[in-house]
Amino acid sequence: DKLFINAQHLKGTTYMLTVTDMMGRVVYGTSGGGRVTGGGY
């Protein structure tokens, strides 16, 4: 019951993450920005 999220070569140093259902409702969202690690990971 886990979602594994991985991205690389991101452009930018901070991120926001959201999960929406198909009706467009946000069911999960980060409240602040998180940091992207060196190399854009």
PDB file of all heavy atoms in Angstrom:
ATOM      1  N   ASP A   1       0.828  -1.203   0.000  1.00  0.00           N
ATOM      2  CA  ASP A   1       0.000   0.000   0.000  1.00  0.00           C
ATOM      3  C   ASP A   1       0.863   1.253   0.000  1.00  0.00           C
ATOM      4  O   ASP A   1       0.591   2.231   0.685  1.00  0.00           O
ATOM      5  CB  ASP A   1      -0.947   0.003   1.195  1.00  0.00           C
ATOM      6  CG  ASP A   1      -2.312   0.582   0.856  1.00  0.00           C
ATOM      7  OD1 ASP A   1      -2.546   0.906  -0.323  1.00  0.00           O
ATOM      8  OD2 ASP A   1      -3.144   0.711   1.763  1.00  0.00           O
ATOM      9  N   LYS A   2       1.948   1.202  -0.799  1.00  0.00           N
ATOM     10  CA  LYS A   2       2.899   2.317  -0.889  1.00  0.00           C
ATOM     11  C   LYS A   2       3.112   2.728  -2.336  1.00  0.00           C
ATOM     12  O   LYS A   2       3.118   1.899  -3.238  1.00  0.00           O
ATOM     13  CB  LYS A   2       4.239   1.936  -0.291  1.00  0.00           C
ATOM     14  CG  LYS A   2       4.228   1.859   1.207  1.00  0.00           C
ATOM     15  CD  LYS A   2       5.607   2.126   1.758  1.00  0.00           C
ATOM     16  CE  LYS A   2       5.601   1.958   3.239  1.00  0.00           C
ATOM     17  NZ  LYS A   2       5.449   3.199   3.930  1.00  0.00           N
ATOM     18  N   LEU A   3       3.312   4.018  -2.501  1.00  0.00           N
ATOM     19  CA  LEU A   3       3.683   4.590  -3.785  1.00  0.00           C
ATOM     20  C   LEU A   3       5.132   5.014  -3.678  1.00  0.00           C
ATOM     21  O   LEU A   3       5.501   5.753  -2.756  1.00  0.00           O
ATOM     22  CB  LEU A   3       2.803   5.802  -4.101  1.00  0.00           C
ATOM     23  CG  LEU A   3       3.109   6.564  -5.377  1.00  0.00           C
ATOM     24  CD1 LEU A   3       2.853   5.687  -6.599  1.00  0.00           C
ATOM     25  CD2 LEU A   3       2.278   7.825  -5.450  1.00  0.00           C
ATOM     26  N   PHE A   4       5.967   4.522  -4.573  1.00  0.00           N
ATOM     27  CA  PHE A   4       7.383   4.870  -4.594  1.00  0.00           C
ATOM     28  C   PHE A   4       7.587   5.903  -5.694  1.00  0.00           C
ATOM     29  O   PHE A   4       7.357   5.628  -6.861  1.00  0.00           O
ATOM     30  CB  PHE A   4       8.243   3.628  -4.833  1.00  0.00           C
ATOM     31  CG  PHE A   4       8.110   2.614  -3.733  1.00  0.00           C
ATOM     32  CD1 PHE A   4       7.238   1.550  -3.846  1.00  0.00           C
ATOM     33  CD2 PHE A   4       8.840   2.763  -2.562  1.00  0.00           C
ATOM     34  CE1 PHE A   4       7.093   0.628  -2.820  1.00  0.00           C
ATOM     35  CE2 PHE A   4       8.706   1.846  -1.531  1.00  0.00           C
ATOM     36  CZ  PHE A   4       7.826   0.773  -1.658  1.00  0.00           C
ATOM     37  N   ILE A   5       7.994   7.100  -5.307  1.00  0.00           N
ATOM     38  CA  ILE A   5       8.146   8.218  -6.241  1.00  0.00           C
ATOM     39  C   ILE A   5       9.629   8.505  -6.399  1.00  0.00           C
ATOM     40  O   ILE A   5      10.324   8.756  -5.408  1.00  0.00           O
ATOM     41  CB  ILE A   5       7.420   9.468  -5.701  1.00  0.00           C
ATOM     42  CG1 ILE A   5       5.969   9.131  -5.378  1.00  0.00           C
ATOM     43  CG2 ILE A   5       7.530  10.625  -6.689  1.00  0.00           C
ATOM     44  CD1 ILE A   5       5.314  10.113  -4.449  1.00  0.00           C
ATOM     45  N   ASN A   6      10.098   8.459  -7.628  1.00  0.00           N
ATOM     46  CA  ASN A   6      11.503   8.735  -7.931  1.00  0.00           C
ATOM     47  C   ASN A   6      11.584   9.614  -9.171  1.00  0.00           C
ATOM     48  O   ASN A   6      10.906   9.357 -10.161  1.00  0.00           O
ATOM     49  CB  ASN A   6      12.275   7.432  -8.197  1.00  0.00           C
ATOM     50  CG  ASN A   6      12.324   6.543  -6.991  1.00  0.00           C
ATOM     51  OD1 ASN A   6      12.923   6.885  -5.994  1.00  0.00           O
ATOM     52  ND2 ASN A   6      11.667   5.397  -7.078  1.00  0.00           N
ATOM     53  N   ALA A   7      12.410  10.635  -9.112  1.00  0.00           N
ATOM     54  CA  ALA A   7      12.652  11.499 -10.271  1.00  0.00           C
ATOM     55  C   ALA A   7      14.124  11.870 -10.278  1.00  0.00           C
ATOM     56  O   ALA A   7      14.762  11.940  -9.230  1.00  0.00           O
ATOM     57  CB  ALA A   7      11.790  12.752 -10.199  1.00  0.00           C
ATOM     58  N   GLN A   8      14.642  12.067 -11.456  1.00  0.00           N
ATOM     59  CA  GLN A   8      16.044  12.483 -11.563  1.00  0.00           C
ATOM     60  C   GLN A   8      16.167  13.594 -12.587  1.00  0.00           C
ATOM     61  O   GLN A   8      15.280  13.807 -13.397  1.00  0.00           O
ATOM     62  CB  GLN A   8      16.934  11.310 -11.939  1.00  0.00           C
ATOM     63  CG  GLN A   8      16.605  10.659 -13.263  1.00  0.00           C
ATOM     64  CD  GLN A   8      17.483   9.453 -13.520  1.00  0.00           C
ATOM     65  OE1 GLN A   8      18.432   9.202 -12.808  1.00  0.00           O
ATOM     66  NE2 GLN A   8      17.164   8.703 -14.554  1.00  0.00           N
ATOM     67  N   HIS A   9      17.253  14.308 -12.508  1.00  0.00           N
ATOM     68  CA  HIS A   9      17.553  15.433 -13.410  1.00  0.00           C
ATOM     69  C   HIS A   9      16.491  16.531 -13.329  1.00  0.00           C
ATOM     70  O   HIS A   9      16.175  17.165 -14.329  1.00  0.00           O
ATOM     71  CB  HIS A   9      17.722  14.956 -14.853  1.00  0.00           C
ATOM     72  CG  HIS A   9      18.703  13.848 -15.013  1.00  0.00           C
ATOM     73  ND1 HIS A   9      20.031  13.976 -14.707  1.00  0.00           N
ATOM     74  CD2 HIS A   9      18.537  12.564 -15.413  1.00  0.00           C
ATOM     75  CE1 HIS A   9      20.642  12.832 -14.933  1.00  0.00           C
ATOM     76  NE2 HIS A   9      19.761  11.950 -15.344  1.00  0.00           N
ATOM     77  N   LEU A  10      15.929  16.723 -12.129  1.00  0.00           N
ATOM     78  CA  LEU A  10      14.955  17.794 -11.958  1.00  0.00           C
ATOM     79  C   LEU A  10      15.631  19.147 -12.095  1.00  0.00           C
ATOM     80  O   LEU A  10      16.760  19.336 -11.660  1.00  0.00           O
ATOM     81  CB  LEU A  10      14.290  17.708 -10.583  1.00  0.00           C
ATOM     82  CG  LEU A  10      13.310  16.569 -10.383  1.00  0.00           C
ATOM     83  CD1 LEU A  10      12.860  16.528  -8.927  1.00  0.00           C
ATOM     84  CD2 LEU A  10      12.124  16.710 -11.295  1.00  0.00           C
ATOM     85  N   LYS A  11      14.920  20.068 -12.696  1.00  0.00           N
ATOM     86  CA  LYS A  11      15.404  21.440 -12.829  1.00  0.00           C
ATOM     87  C   LYS A  11      14.798  22.244 -11.697  1.00  0.00           C
ATOM     88  O   LYS A  11      13.598  22.417 -11.621  1.00  0.00           O
ATOM     89  CB  LYS A  11      14.988  22.003 -14.179  1.00  0.00           C
ATOM     90  CG  LYS A  11      15.561  21.238 -15.346  1.00  0.00           C
ATOM     91  CD  LYS A  11      14.994  21.765 -16.649  1.00  0.00           C
ATOM     92  CE  LYS A  11      15.517  20.930 -17.795  1.00  0.00           C
ATOM     93  NZ  LYS A  11      14.459  20.234 -18.494  1.00  0.00           N
ATOM     94  N   GLY A  12      15.618  22.690 -10.791  1.00  0.00           N
ATOM     95  CA  GLY A  12      15.140  23.437  -9.629  1.00  0.00           C
ATOM     96  C   GLY A  12      15.701  22.826  -8.363  1.00  0.00           C
ATOM     97  O   GLY A  12      16.173  21.693  -8.358  1.00  0.00           O
ATOM     98  N   THR A  13      15.635  23.571  -7.278  1.00  0.00           N
ATOM     99  CA  THR A  13      16.220  23.098  -6.029  1.00  0.00           C
ATOM    100  C   THR A  13      15.173  22.748  -4.975  1.00  0.00           C
ATOM    101  O   THR A  13      15.496  22.146  -3.972  1.00  0.00           O
ATOM    102  CB  THR A  13      17.173  24.168  -5.449  1.00  0.00           C
ATOM    103  OG1 THR A  13      16.450  25.384  -5.285  1.00  0.00           O
ATOM    104  CG2 THR A  13      18.361  24.383  -6.366  1.00  0.00           C
ATOM    105  N   THR A  14      13.930  23.153  -5.177  1.00  0.00           N
ATOM    106  CA  THR A  14      12.852  22.808  -4.250  1.00  0.00           C
ATOM    107  C   THR A  14      11.694  22.193  -5.034  1.00  0.00           C
ATOM    108  O   THR A  14      11.577  22.387  -6.241  1.00  0.00           O
ATOM    109  CB  THR A  14      12.342  24.038  -3.477  1.00  0.00           C
ATOM    110  OG1 THR A  14      11.844  24.995  -4.403  1.00  0.00           O
ATOM    111  CG2 THR A  14      13.444  24.653  -2.635  1.00  0.00           C
ATOM    112  N   TYR A  15      10.839  21.455  -4.327  1.00  0.00           N
ATOM    113  CA  TYR A  15       9.719  20.810  -4.988  1.00  0.00           C
ATOM    114  C   TYR A  15       8.463  20.926  -4.137  1.00  0.00           C
ATOM    115  O   TYR A  15       8.511  21.139  -2.934  1.00  0.00           O
ATOM    116  CB  TYR A  15       9.997  19.332  -5.239  1.00  0.00           C
ATOM    117  CG  TYR A  15       9.999  18.510  -3.967  1.00  0.00           C
ATOM    118  CD1 TYR A  15       8.829  17.964  -3.478  1.00  0.00           C
ATOM    119  CD2 TYR A  15      11.163  18.327  -3.244  1.00  0.00           C
ATOM    120  CE1 TYR A  15       8.824  17.242  -2.286  1.00  0.00           C
ATOM    121  CE2 TYR A  15      11.166  17.612  -2.064  1.00  0.00           C
ATOM    122  CZ  TYR A  15       9.992  17.068  -1.601  1.00  0.00           C
ATOM    123  OH  TYR A  15       9.990  16.359  -0.423  1.00  0.00           O
ATOM    124  N   MET A  16       7.332  20.736  -4.782  1.00  0.00           N
ATOM    125  CA  MET A  16       6.039  20.540  -4.135  1.00  0.00           C
ATOM    126  C   MET A  16       5.499  19.240  -4.710  1.00  0.00           C
ATOM    127  O   MET A  16       5.652  18.979  -5.907  1.00  0.00           O
ATOM    128  CB  MET A  16       5.069  21.680  -4.464  1.00  0.00           C
ATOM    129  CG  MET A  16       5.483  23.019  -3.901  1.00  0.00           C
ATOM    130  SD  MET A  16       5.382  23.134  -2.121  1.00  0.00           S
ATOM    131  CE  MET A  16       3.636  23.104  -1.872  1.00  0.00           C
ATOM    132  N   LEU A  17       4.875  18.425  -3.878  1.00  0.00           N
ATOM    133  CA  LEU A  17       4.309  17.164  -4.329  1.00  0.00           C
ATOM    134  C   LEU A  17       2.818  17.156  -4.013  1.00  0.00           C
ATOM    135  O   LEU A  17       2.426  17.502  -2.901  1.00  0.00           O
ATOM    136  CB  LEU A  17       4.980  15.990  -3.611  1.00  0.00           C
ATOM    137  CG  LEU A  17       4.424  14.644  -4.050  1.00  0.00           C
ATOM    138  CD1 LEU A  17       5.458  13.903  -4.862  1.00  0.00           C
ATOM    139  CD2 LEU A  17       3.974  13.829  -2.881  1.00  0.00           C
ATOM    140  N   THR A  18       2.002  16.788  -5.005  1.00  0.00           N
ATOM    141  CA  THR A  18       0.566  16.661  -4.789  1.00  0.00           C
ATOM    142  C   THR A  18       0.075  15.354  -5.398  1.00  0.00           C
ATOM    143  O   THR A  18       0.630  14.874  -6.391  1.00  0.00           O
ATOM    144  CB  THR A  18      -0.239  17.817  -5.412  1.00  0.00           C
ATOM    145  OG1 THR A  18       0.056  17.910  -6.797  1.00  0.00           O
ATOM    146  CG2 THR A  18       0.056  19.140  -4.740  1.00  0.00           C
ATOM    147  N   VAL A  19      -0.956  14.798  -4.790  1.00  0.00           N
ATOM    148  CA  VAL A  19      -1.662  13.651  -5.344  1.00  0.00           C
ATOM    149  C   VAL A  19      -3.125  14.061  -5.443  1.00  0.00           C
ATOM    150  O   VAL A  19      -3.717  14.511  -4.453  1.00  0.00           O
ATOM    151  CB  VAL A  19      -1.525  12.398  -4.443  1.00  0.00           C
ATOM    152  CG1 VAL A  19      -2.313  11.236  -5.037  1.00  0.00           C
ATOM    153  CG2 VAL A  19      -0.059  12.012  -4.281  1.00  0.00           C
ATOM    154  N   THR A  20      -3.691  13.949  -6.638  1.00  0.00           N
ATOM    155  CA  THR A  20      -5.086  14.316  -6.861  1.00  0.00           C
ATOM    156  C   THR A  20      -5.857  13.106  -7.361  1.00  0.00           C
ATOM    157  O   THR A  20      -5.304  12.241  -8.049  1.00  0.00           O
ATOM    158  CB  THR A  20      -5.221  15.460  -7.880  1.00  0.00           C
ATOM    159  OG1 THR A  20      -4.566  15.097  -9.095  1.00  0.00           O
ATOM    160  CG2 THR A  20      -4.611  16.747  -7.364  1.00  0.00           C
ATOM    161  N   ASP A  21      -7.152  13.067  -7.017  1.00  0.00           N
ATOM    162  CA  ASP A  21      -7.992  12.013  -7.568  1.00  0.00           C
ATOM    163  C   ASP A  21      -8.472  12.453  -8.948  1.00  0.00           C
ATOM    164  O   ASP A  21      -8.159  13.557  -9.407  1.00  0.00           O
ATOM    165  CB  ASP A  21      -9.144  11.662  -6.618  1.00  0.00           C
ATOM    166  CG  ASP A  21     -10.130  12.802  -6.383  1.00  0.00           C
ATOM    167  OD1 ASP A  21     -10.138  13.793  -7.155  1.00  0.00           O
ATOM    168  OD2 ASP A  21     -10.901  12.711  -5.414  1.00  0.00           O
ATOM    169  N   MET A  22      -9.232  11.624  -9.604  1.00  0.00           N
ATOM    170  CA  MET A  22      -9.638  11.935 -10.978  1.00  0.00           C
ATOM    171  C   MET A  22     -10.681  13.053 -11.050  1.00  0.00           C
ATOM    172  O   MET A  22     -10.974  13.567 -12.118  1.00  0.00           O
ATOM    173  CB  MET A  22     -10.154  10.674 -11.679  1.00  0.00           C
ATOM    174  CG  MET A  22      -9.056   9.628 -11.883  1.00  0.00           C
ATOM    175  SD  MET A  22      -7.519  10.280 -12.606  1.00  0.00           S
ATOM    176  CE  MET A  22      -8.030  10.670 -14.252  1.00  0.00           C
ATOM    177  N   MET A  23     -11.212  13.471  -9.907  1.00  0.00           N
ATOM    178  CA  MET A  23     -12.135  14.604  -9.860  1.00  0.00           C
ATOM    179  C   MET A  23     -11.381  15.911  -9.620  1.00  0.00           C
ATOM    180  O   MET A  23     -11.987  16.970  -9.517  1.00  0.00           O
ATOM    181  CB  MET A  23     -13.189  14.388  -8.767  1.00  0.00           C
ATOM    182  CG  MET A  23     -14.019  13.135  -8.984  1.00  0.00           C
ATOM    183  SD  MET A  23     -14.915  13.137 -10.537  1.00  0.00           S
ATOM    184  CE  MET A  23     -16.177  14.318 -10.185  1.00  0.00           C
ATOM    185  N   GLY A  24     -10.037  15.814  -9.486  1.00  0.00           N
ATOM    186  CA  GLY A  24      -9.222  17.000  -9.283  1.00  0.00           C
ATOM    187  C   GLY A  24      -9.054  17.409  -7.831  1.00  0.00           C
ATOM    188  O   GLY A  24      -8.460  18.449  -7.542  1.00  0.00           O
ATOM    189  N   ARG A  25      -9.563  16.599  -6.894  1.00  0.00           N
ATOM    190  CA  ARG A  25      -9.419  16.909  -5.469  1.00  0.00           C
ATOM    191  C   ARG A  25      -8.032  16.486  -4.990  1.00  0.00           C
ATOM    192  O   ARG A  25      -7.581  15.384  -5.289  1.00  0.00           O
ATOM    193  CB  ARG A  25     -10.483  16.179  -4.658  1.00  0.00           C
ATOM    194  CG  ARG A  25     -11.889  16.647  -4.955  1.00  0.00           C
ATOM    195  CD  ARG A  25     -12.881  15.845  -4.156  1.00  0.00           C
ATOM    196  NE  ARG A  25     -12.863  14.460  -4.618  1.00  0.00           N
ATOM    197  CZ  ARG A  25     -13.930  13.759  -4.972  1.00  0.00           C
ATOM    198  NH1 ARG A  25     -15.124  14.310  -4.910  1.00  0.00           N
ATOM    199  NH2 ARG A  25     -13.824  12.513  -5.377  1.00  0.00           N
ATOM    200  N   VAL A  26      -7.375  17.357  -4.240  1.00  0.00           N
ATOM    201  CA  VAL A  26      -6.066  17.040  -3.683  1.00  0.00           C
ATOM    202  C   VAL A  26      -6.274  16.124  -2.483  1.00  0.00           C
ATOM    203  O   VAL A  26      -6.948  16.493  -1.520  1.00  0.00           O
ATOM    204  CB  VAL A  26      -5.303  18.318  -3.268  1.00  0.00           C
ATOM    205  CG1 VAL A  26      -3.994  17.966  -2.585  1.00  0.00           C
ATOM    206  CG2 VAL A  26      -5.052  19.209  -4.481  1.00  0.00           C
ATOM    207  N   VAL A  27      -5.697  14.910  -2.549  1.00  0.00           N
ATOM    208  CA  VAL A  27      -5.808  13.956  -1.445  1.00  0.00           C
ATOM    209  C   VAL A  27      -4.521  13.909  -0.626  1.00  0.00           C
ATOM    210  O   VAL A  27      -4.503  13.386   0.475  1.00  0.00           O
ATOM    211  CB  VAL A  27      -6.185  12.540  -1.944  1.00  0.00           C
ATOM    212  CG1 VAL A  27      -7.567  12.553  -2.575  1.00  0.00           C
ATOM    213  CG2 VAL A  27      -5.154  12.003  -2.915  1.00  0.00           C
ATOM    214  N   TYR A  28      -3.452  14.453  -1.173  1.00  0.00           N
ATOM    215  CA  TYR A  28      -2.187  14.569  -0.450  1.00  0.00           C
ATOM    216  C   TYR A  28      -1.409  15.724  -1.049  1.00  0.00           C
ATOM    217  O   TYR A  28      -1.390  15.915  -2.271  1.00  0.00           O
ATOM    218  CB  TYR A  28      -1.351  13.284  -0.574  1.00  0.00           C
ATOM    219  CG  TYR A  28      -0.012  13.414   0.110  1.00  0.00           C
ATOM    220  CD1 TYR A  28       0.113  13.149   1.461  1.00  0.00           C
ATOM    221  CD2 TYR A  28       1.112  13.841  -0.588  1.00  0.00           C
ATOM    222  CE1 TYR A  28       1.341  13.292   2.106  1.00  0.00           C
ATOM    223  CE2 TYR A  28       2.338  13.990   0.050  1.00  0.00           C
ATOM    224  CZ  TYR A  28       2.437  13.714   1.388  1.00  0.00           C
ATOM    225  OH  TYR A  28       3.641  13.870   2.023  1.00  0.00           O
ATOM    226  N   GLY A  29      -0.757  16.488  -0.209  1.00  0.00           N
ATOM    227  CA  GLY A  29       0.078  17.571  -0.694  1.00  0.00           C
ATOM    228  C   GLY A  29       1.103  17.956   0.354  1.00  0.00           C
ATOM    229  O   GLY A  29       0.814  17.892   1.552  1.00  0.00           O
ATOM    230  N   THR A  30       2.282  18.317  -0.091  1.00  0.00           N
ATOM    231  CA  THR A  30       3.293  18.808   0.843  1.00  0.00           C
ATOM    232  C   THR A  30       2.918  20.227   1.224  1.00  0.00           C
ATOM    233  O   THR A  30       2.483  21.014   0.384  1.00  0.00           O
ATOM    234  CB  THR A  30       4.700  18.765   0.223  1.00  0.00           C
ATOM    235  OG1 THR A  30       4.698  19.493  -1.010  1.00  0.00           O
ATOM    236  CG2 THR A  30       5.159  17.344  -0.030  1.00  0.00           C
ATOM    237  N   SER A  31       3.077  20.558   2.482  1.00  0.00           N
ATOM    238  CA  SER A  31       2.661  21.873   2.959  1.00  0.00           C
ATOM    239  C   SER A  31       3.686  22.952   2.633  1.00  0.00           C
ATOM    240  O   SER A  31       3.345  24.083   2.373  1.00  0.00           O
ATOM    241  CB  SER A  31       2.408  21.838   4.465  1.00  0.00           C
ATOM    242  OG  SER A  31       3.565  21.405   5.140  1.00  0.00           O
ATOM    243  N   GLY A  32       4.944  22.586   2.641  1.00  0.00           N
ATOM    244  CA  GLY A  32       5.999  23.526   2.269  1.00  0.00           C
ATOM    245  C   GLY A  32       6.772  22.921   1.114  1.00  0.00           C
ATOM    246  O   GLY A  32       6.400  21.898   0.583  1.00  0.00           O
ATOM    247  N   GLY A  33       7.790  23.529   0.722  1.00  0.00           N
ATOM    248  CA  GLY A  33       8.626  22.950  -0.328  1.00  0.00           C
ATOM    249  C   GLY A  33       9.697  22.059   0.274  1.00  0.00           C
ATOM    250  O   GLY A  33      10.204  22.330   1.343  1.00  0.00           O
ATOM    251  N   GLY A  34       9.992  20.983  -0.371  1.00  0.00           N
ATOM    252  CA  GLY A  34      11.093  20.127   0.045  1.00  0.00           C
ATOM    253  C   GLY A  34      12.302  20.413  -0.817  1.00  0.00           C
ATOM    254  O   GLY A  34      12.201  21.064  -1.849  1.00  0.00           O
ATOM    255  N   ARG A  35      13.432  19.922  -0.423  1.00  0.00           N
ATOM    256  CA  ARG A  35      14.668  20.159  -1.162  1.00  0.00           C
ATOM    257  C   ARG A  35      14.931  19.018  -2.128  1.00  0.00           C
ATOM    258  O   ARG A  35      14.774  17.858  -1.777  1.00  0.00           O
ATOM    259  CB  ARG A  35      15.852  20.272  -0.217  1.00  0.00           C
ATOM    260  CG  ARG A  35      15.751  21.375   0.821  1.00  0.00           C
ATOM    261  CD  ARG A  35      15.948  22.762   0.358  1.00  0.00           C
ATOM    262  NE  ARG A  35      17.209  22.983  -0.317  1.00  0.00           N
ATOM    263  CZ  ARG A  35      17.441  24.031  -1.077  1.00  0.00           C
ATOM    264  NH1 ARG A  35      16.517  24.939  -1.251  1.00  0.00           N
ATOM    265  NH2 ARG A  35      18.595  24.193  -1.663  1.00  0.00           N
ATOM    266  N   VAL A  36      15.344  19.352  -3.335  1.00  0.00           N
ATOM    267  CA  VAL A  36      15.820  18.383  -4.320  1.00  0.00           C
ATOM    268  C   VAL A  36      17.297  18.182  -4.040  1.00  0.00           C
ATOM    269  O   VAL A  36      18.034  19.148  -3.841  1.00  0.00           O
ATOM    270  CB  VAL A  36      15.604  18.905  -5.757  1.00  0.00           C
ATOM    271  CG1 VAL A  36      16.206  17.965  -6.777  1.00  0.00           C
ATOM    272  CG2 VAL A  36      14.118  19.115  -6.035  1.00  0.00           C
ATOM    273  N   THR A  37      17.757  16.933  -3.993  1.00  0.00           N
ATOM    274  CA  THR A  37      19.158  16.667  -3.678  1.00  0.00           C
ATOM    275  C   THR A  37      20.058  17.042  -4.853  1.00  0.00           C
ATOM    276  O   THR A  37      19.581  17.255  -5.968  1.00  0.00           O
ATOM    277  CB  THR A  37      19.381  15.182  -3.328  1.00  0.00           C
ATOM    278  OG1 THR A  37      19.051  14.386  -4.468  1.00  0.00           O
ATOM    279  CG2 THR A  37      18.550  14.771  -2.139  1.00  0.00           C
ATOM    280  N   GLY A  38      21.372  17.093  -4.599  1.00  0.00           N
ATOM    281  CA  GLY A  38      22.347  17.407  -5.639  1.00  0.00           C
ATOM    282  C   GLY A  38      22.171  16.494  -6.839  1.00  0.00           C
ATOM    283  O   GLY A  38      21.871  15.316  -6.706  1.00  0.00           O
ATOM    284  N   GLY A  39      22.299  17.042  -8.018  1.00  0.00           N
ATOM    285  CA  GLY A  39      22.104  16.275  -9.245  1.00  0.00           C
ATOM    286  C   GLY A  39      20.651  16.202  -9.674  1.00  0.00           C
ATOM    287  O   GLY A  39      20.314  15.558 -10.656  1.00  0.00           O
ATOM    288  N   GLY A  40      19.750  16.855  -8.931  1.00  0.00           N
ATOM    289  CA  GLY A  40      18.347  16.892  -9.322  1.00  0.00           C
ATOM    290  C   GLY A  40      17.568  15.640  -8.992  1.00  0.00           C
ATOM    291  O   GLY A  40      16.599  15.318  -9.670  1.00  0.00           O
ATOM    292  N   TYR A  41      17.936  14.934  -7.932  1.00  0.00           N
ATOM    293  CA  TYR A  41      17.244  13.702  -7.566  1.00  0.00           C
ATOM    294  C   TYR A  41      16.186  13.951  -6.495  1.00  0.00           C
ATOM    295  O   TYR A  41      16.373  14.732  -5.581  1.00  0.00           O
ATOM    296  CB  TYR A  41      18.238  12.656  -7.051  1.00  0.00           C
ATOM    297  CG  TYR A  41      19.146  12.157  -8.124  1.00  0.00           C
ATOM    298  CD1 TYR A  41      20.422  12.682  -8.267  1.00  0.00           C
ATOM    299  CD2 TYR A  41      18.745  11.166  -9.006  1.00  0.00           C
ATOM    300  CE1 TYR A  41      21.269  12.245  -9.266  1.00  0.00           C
ATOM    301  CE2 TYR A  41      19.579  10.727 -10.009  1.00  0.00           C
ATOM    302  CZ  TYR A  41      20.839  11.265 -10.134  1.00  0.00           C
ATOM    303  OH  TYR A  41      21.660  10.831 -11.128  1.00  0.00           O
TER     304      TYR A  41
END
